């Protein structure tokens, strides 16, 4: 796997770890997670290539969607989803 996609995995792992850590307290927390998956270069994970049937950009969007899904799943696992505001934007 190339360096670019490795960064995406490292960042995703870290944000999930932060949710685990911060959710231990009763206090609210804020995480700013500026994923680079909405910008080029368009290099989806090998496991995503061809999955969307919409070309390489569709595969890239599928990868970003899975990452967001993992974050939502983690919030639900920690029973804080209903009390959480998630804002996903792209320019």
N, C-alpha and C. Protein backbone atom coordinates (compact mmCIF):
# COMPACT_ATOMS: atom_id res chain seq x y z
N UNK A 1 0.85 -1.18 0.00
CA UNK A 1 0.00 0.00 0.00
C UNK A 1 0.89 1.24 0.00
N UNK A 2 0.52 2.20 -0.80
CA UNK A 2 1.35 3.40 -0.88
C UNK A 2 1.18 4.29 0.35
N UNK A 3 2.09 5.22 0.49
CA UNK A 3 2.11 6.12 1.65
C UNK A 3 0.80 6.88 1.81
N UNK A 4 0.24 7.36 0.71
CA UNK A 4 -0.98 8.16 0.77
C UNK A 4 -2.11 7.39 1.45
N UNK A 5 -2.36 6.16 1.01
CA UNK A 5 -3.44 5.38 1.61
C UNK A 5 -3.10 4.93 3.02
N UNK A 6 -1.82 4.74 3.33
CA UNK A 6 -1.44 4.39 4.68
C UNK A 6 -1.80 5.51 5.64
N UNK A 7 -1.64 6.75 5.20
CA UNK A 7 -2.01 7.90 6.04
C UNK A 7 -3.50 7.86 6.36
N UNK A 8 -4.32 7.52 5.39
CA UNK A 8 -5.77 7.42 5.62
C UNK A 8 -6.07 6.38 6.69
N UNK A 9 -5.40 5.25 6.65
CA UNK A 9 -5.62 4.22 7.66
C UNK A 9 -5.17 4.67 9.05
N UNK A 10 -4.01 5.32 9.11
CA UNK A 10 -3.48 5.81 10.39
C UNK A 10 -4.44 6.84 10.99
N UNK A 11 -4.90 7.77 10.17
CA UNK A 11 -5.82 8.81 10.66
C UNK A 11 -7.14 8.19 11.14
N UNK A 12 -7.66 7.23 10.40
CA UNK A 12 -8.92 6.59 10.78
C UNK A 12 -8.76 5.85 12.11
N UNK A 13 -7.68 5.12 12.24
CA UNK A 13 -7.42 4.39 13.49
C UNK A 13 -7.35 5.37 14.66
N UNK A 14 -6.67 6.49 14.46
CA UNK A 14 -6.50 7.48 15.53
C UNK A 14 -7.83 8.09 15.95
N UNK A 15 -8.69 8.45 15.00
CA UNK A 15 -9.97 9.05 15.38
C UNK A 15 -10.83 8.05 16.15
N UNK A 16 -10.78 6.79 15.78
CA UNK A 16 -11.54 5.78 16.51
C UNK A 16 -10.98 5.59 17.92
N UNK A 17 -9.65 5.66 18.06
CA UNK A 17 -9.02 5.58 19.38
C UNK A 17 -9.42 6.78 20.24
N UNK A 18 -9.47 7.96 19.65
CA UNK A 18 -9.87 9.16 20.40
C UNK A 18 -11.30 9.04 20.91
N UNK A 19 -12.18 8.51 20.10
CA UNK A 19 -13.57 8.32 20.55
C UNK A 19 -13.59 7.35 21.72
N UNK A 20 -12.83 6.27 21.62
CA UNK A 20 -12.74 5.32 22.75
C UNK A 20 -12.26 6.03 24.01
N UNK A 21 -11.20 6.79 23.89
CA UNK A 21 -10.60 7.47 25.04
C UNK A 21 -11.54 8.52 25.64
N UNK A 22 -12.05 9.41 24.80
CA UNK A 22 -12.86 10.53 25.29
C UNK A 22 -14.22 10.08 25.81
N UNK A 23 -14.74 9.00 25.30
CA UNK A 23 -16.07 8.56 25.73
C UNK A 23 -16.06 7.92 27.11
N UNK A 24 -14.90 7.71 27.68
CA UNK A 24 -14.81 7.15 29.04
C UNK A 24 -15.31 8.15 30.08
N UNK A 25 -15.17 9.43 29.79
CA UNK A 25 -15.61 10.47 30.70
C UNK A 25 -17.06 10.84 30.40
N UNK A 26 -17.70 11.43 31.38
CA UNK A 26 -19.07 11.92 31.20
C UNK A 26 -19.10 13.28 30.51
N UNK A 27 -17.94 13.90 30.39
CA UNK A 27 -17.85 15.24 29.82
C UNK A 27 -17.99 15.21 28.29
N UNK A 28 -18.61 16.24 27.74
CA UNK A 28 -18.66 16.35 26.27
C UNK A 28 -17.25 16.53 25.71
N UNK A 29 -17.08 16.17 24.47
CA UNK A 29 -15.79 16.35 23.83
C UNK A 29 -15.99 16.78 22.38
N UNK A 30 -14.93 17.31 21.81
CA UNK A 30 -14.95 17.79 20.44
C UNK A 30 -13.78 17.17 19.69
N UNK A 31 -14.06 16.61 18.53
CA UNK A 31 -12.99 16.10 17.66
C UNK A 31 -13.16 16.75 16.30
N UNK A 32 -12.10 17.35 15.83
CA UNK A 32 -12.06 17.89 14.48
C UNK A 32 -11.23 16.90 13.66
N UNK A 33 -11.86 16.29 12.69
CA UNK A 33 -11.21 15.25 11.90
C UNK A 33 -11.22 15.64 10.42
N UNK A 34 -10.19 16.31 9.96
CA UNK A 34 -10.15 16.78 8.57
C UNK A 34 -9.65 15.69 7.62
N UNK A 35 -10.50 14.73 7.34
CA UNK A 35 -10.08 13.66 6.45
C UNK A 35 -9.72 14.21 5.08
N UNK A 36 -8.70 13.67 4.52
CA UNK A 36 -8.25 14.10 3.19
C UNK A 36 -8.91 13.28 2.09
N UNK A 37 -9.81 12.39 2.45
CA UNK A 37 -10.41 11.48 1.47
C UNK A 37 -11.38 12.16 0.52
N UNK A 38 -11.63 13.43 0.69
CA UNK A 38 -12.51 14.13 -0.25
C UNK A 38 -11.72 14.87 -1.31
N UNK A 39 -10.41 14.72 -1.29
CA UNK A 39 -9.53 15.39 -2.24
C UNK A 39 -8.62 14.39 -2.92
N UNK A 40 -8.02 14.80 -4.01
CA UNK A 40 -7.08 13.95 -4.73
C UNK A 40 -5.73 13.95 -4.06
N UNK A 41 -4.86 13.10 -4.45
CA UNK A 41 -5.06 12.22 -5.58
C UNK A 41 -6.08 11.12 -5.27
N UNK A 42 -6.79 10.72 -6.29
CA UNK A 42 -7.85 9.72 -6.15
C UNK A 42 -7.19 8.34 -6.15
N UNK A 43 -6.93 7.84 -4.97
CA UNK A 43 -6.25 6.55 -4.82
C UNK A 43 -7.01 5.69 -3.81
N UNK A 44 -8.10 5.06 -4.22
CA UNK A 44 -8.83 4.23 -3.26
C UNK A 44 -8.01 3.01 -2.84
N UNK A 45 -8.34 2.48 -1.67
CA UNK A 45 -7.70 1.25 -1.22
C UNK A 45 -7.88 0.18 -2.28
N UNK A 46 -6.95 -0.72 -2.35
CA UNK A 46 -7.06 -1.84 -3.29
C UNK A 46 -8.38 -2.59 -3.08
N UNK A 47 -8.77 -2.78 -1.81
CA UNK A 47 -9.99 -3.53 -1.52
C UNK A 47 -11.25 -2.81 -1.99
N UNK A 48 -11.16 -1.52 -2.29
CA UNK A 48 -12.32 -0.76 -2.77
C UNK A 48 -12.37 -0.63 -4.29
N UNK A 49 -11.28 -0.92 -4.94
CA UNK A 49 -11.23 -0.73 -6.39
C UNK A 49 -12.19 -1.66 -7.10
N UNK A 50 -13.07 -1.06 -7.91
CA UNK A 50 -14.05 -1.82 -8.67
C UNK A 50 -15.32 -2.13 -7.91
N UNK A 51 -15.40 -1.77 -6.64
CA UNK A 51 -16.56 -2.11 -5.81
C UNK A 51 -17.78 -1.24 -6.09
N UNK A 52 -17.56 0.01 -6.43
CA UNK A 52 -18.69 0.93 -6.61
C UNK A 52 -19.36 0.78 -7.97
N UNK A 53 -18.65 0.23 -8.91
CA UNK A 53 -19.10 0.13 -10.30
C UNK A 53 -19.30 1.51 -10.93
N UNK A 54 -18.68 2.54 -10.32
CA UNK A 54 -18.76 3.91 -10.83
C UNK A 54 -17.39 4.47 -11.17
N UNK A 55 -16.42 3.62 -11.33
CA UNK A 55 -15.08 4.08 -11.65
C UNK A 55 -14.27 4.38 -10.40
N UNK A 56 -13.07 4.85 -10.62
CA UNK A 56 -12.13 5.05 -9.51
C UNK A 56 -12.62 6.11 -8.52
N UNK A 57 -13.29 7.17 -9.01
CA UNK A 57 -13.80 8.19 -8.08
C UNK A 57 -14.92 7.61 -7.21
N UNK A 58 -15.80 6.81 -7.79
CA UNK A 58 -16.84 6.15 -7.02
C UNK A 58 -16.26 5.24 -5.95
N UNK A 59 -15.19 4.55 -6.31
CA UNK A 59 -14.51 3.69 -5.33
C UNK A 59 -13.93 4.51 -4.19
N UNK A 60 -13.41 5.68 -4.52
CA UNK A 60 -12.84 6.59 -3.53
C UNK A 60 -13.92 7.10 -2.58
N UNK A 61 -15.08 7.45 -3.13
CA UNK A 61 -16.21 7.89 -2.31
C UNK A 61 -16.68 6.74 -1.41
N UNK A 62 -16.69 5.55 -1.94
CA UNK A 62 -17.06 4.37 -1.15
C UNK A 62 -16.14 4.22 0.05
N UNK A 63 -14.86 4.45 -0.16
CA UNK A 63 -13.88 4.37 0.93
C UNK A 63 -14.17 5.42 1.99
N UNK A 64 -14.43 6.65 1.58
CA UNK A 64 -14.74 7.73 2.53
C UNK A 64 -16.04 7.41 3.27
N UNK A 65 -17.01 6.86 2.57
CA UNK A 65 -18.28 6.49 3.20
C UNK A 65 -18.08 5.41 4.26
N UNK A 66 -17.23 4.45 3.97
CA UNK A 66 -16.97 3.40 4.96
C UNK A 66 -16.29 3.99 6.20
N UNK A 67 -15.36 4.91 5.99
CA UNK A 67 -14.70 5.54 7.13
C UNK A 67 -15.72 6.28 8.01
N UNK A 68 -16.63 7.02 7.39
CA UNK A 68 -17.67 7.70 8.17
C UNK A 68 -18.55 6.69 8.89
N UNK A 69 -18.87 5.60 8.22
CA UNK A 69 -19.67 4.55 8.84
C UNK A 69 -18.98 3.95 10.06
N UNK A 70 -17.68 3.79 10.00
CA UNK A 70 -16.93 3.27 11.14
C UNK A 70 -17.00 4.23 12.32
N UNK A 71 -16.95 5.52 12.04
CA UNK A 71 -17.05 6.52 13.10
C UNK A 71 -18.44 6.48 13.73
N UNK A 72 -19.48 6.42 12.91
CA UNK A 72 -20.85 6.33 13.42
C UNK A 72 -21.03 5.06 14.24
N UNK A 73 -20.52 3.94 13.73
CA UNK A 73 -20.61 2.67 14.47
C UNK A 73 -19.91 2.76 15.83
N UNK A 74 -18.76 3.44 15.87
CA UNK A 74 -18.03 3.58 17.14
C UNK A 74 -18.83 4.41 18.13
N UNK A 75 -19.45 5.50 17.65
CA UNK A 75 -20.28 6.34 18.52
C UNK A 75 -21.45 5.53 19.07
N UNK A 76 -22.05 4.70 18.25
CA UNK A 76 -23.16 3.84 18.70
C UNK A 76 -22.67 2.80 19.70
N UNK A 77 -21.51 2.21 19.43
CA UNK A 77 -20.93 1.22 20.34
C UNK A 77 -20.71 1.82 21.73
N UNK A 78 -20.31 3.09 21.79
CA UNK A 78 -20.03 3.78 23.05
C UNK A 78 -21.29 4.41 23.65
N UNK A 79 -22.44 4.19 23.02
CA UNK A 79 -23.72 4.71 23.48
C UNK A 79 -23.73 6.23 23.60
N UNK A 80 -23.07 6.89 22.66
CA UNK A 80 -23.07 8.35 22.67
C UNK A 80 -23.57 8.93 21.34
N UNK A 81 -23.99 8.07 20.45
CA UNK A 81 -24.43 8.53 19.13
C UNK A 81 -25.62 9.49 19.23
N UNK A 82 -26.59 9.17 20.05
CA UNK A 82 -27.80 9.99 20.17
C UNK A 82 -27.51 11.37 20.75
N UNK A 83 -26.39 11.52 21.43
CA UNK A 83 -26.01 12.80 22.03
C UNK A 83 -24.87 13.48 21.28
N UNK A 84 -24.64 13.06 20.04
CA UNK A 84 -23.50 13.55 19.28
C UNK A 84 -23.96 14.26 18.01
N UNK A 85 -23.30 15.35 17.71
CA UNK A 85 -23.52 16.06 16.45
C UNK A 85 -22.35 15.73 15.54
N UNK A 86 -22.64 15.21 14.36
CA UNK A 86 -21.61 14.91 13.37
C UNK A 86 -21.87 15.82 12.18
N UNK A 87 -20.84 16.57 11.80
CA UNK A 87 -20.94 17.44 10.64
C UNK A 87 -19.90 16.96 9.63
N UNK A 88 -20.36 16.61 8.44
CA UNK A 88 -19.48 16.18 7.38
C UNK A 88 -19.63 17.16 6.23
N UNK A 89 -18.55 17.83 5.88
CA UNK A 89 -18.61 18.79 4.80
C UNK A 89 -17.47 18.56 3.82
N UNK A 90 -17.63 19.11 2.66
CA UNK A 90 -16.59 19.08 1.65
C UNK A 90 -16.68 20.36 0.84
N UNK A 91 -15.55 20.80 0.36
CA UNK A 91 -15.57 22.04 -0.41
C UNK A 91 -15.83 21.79 -1.88
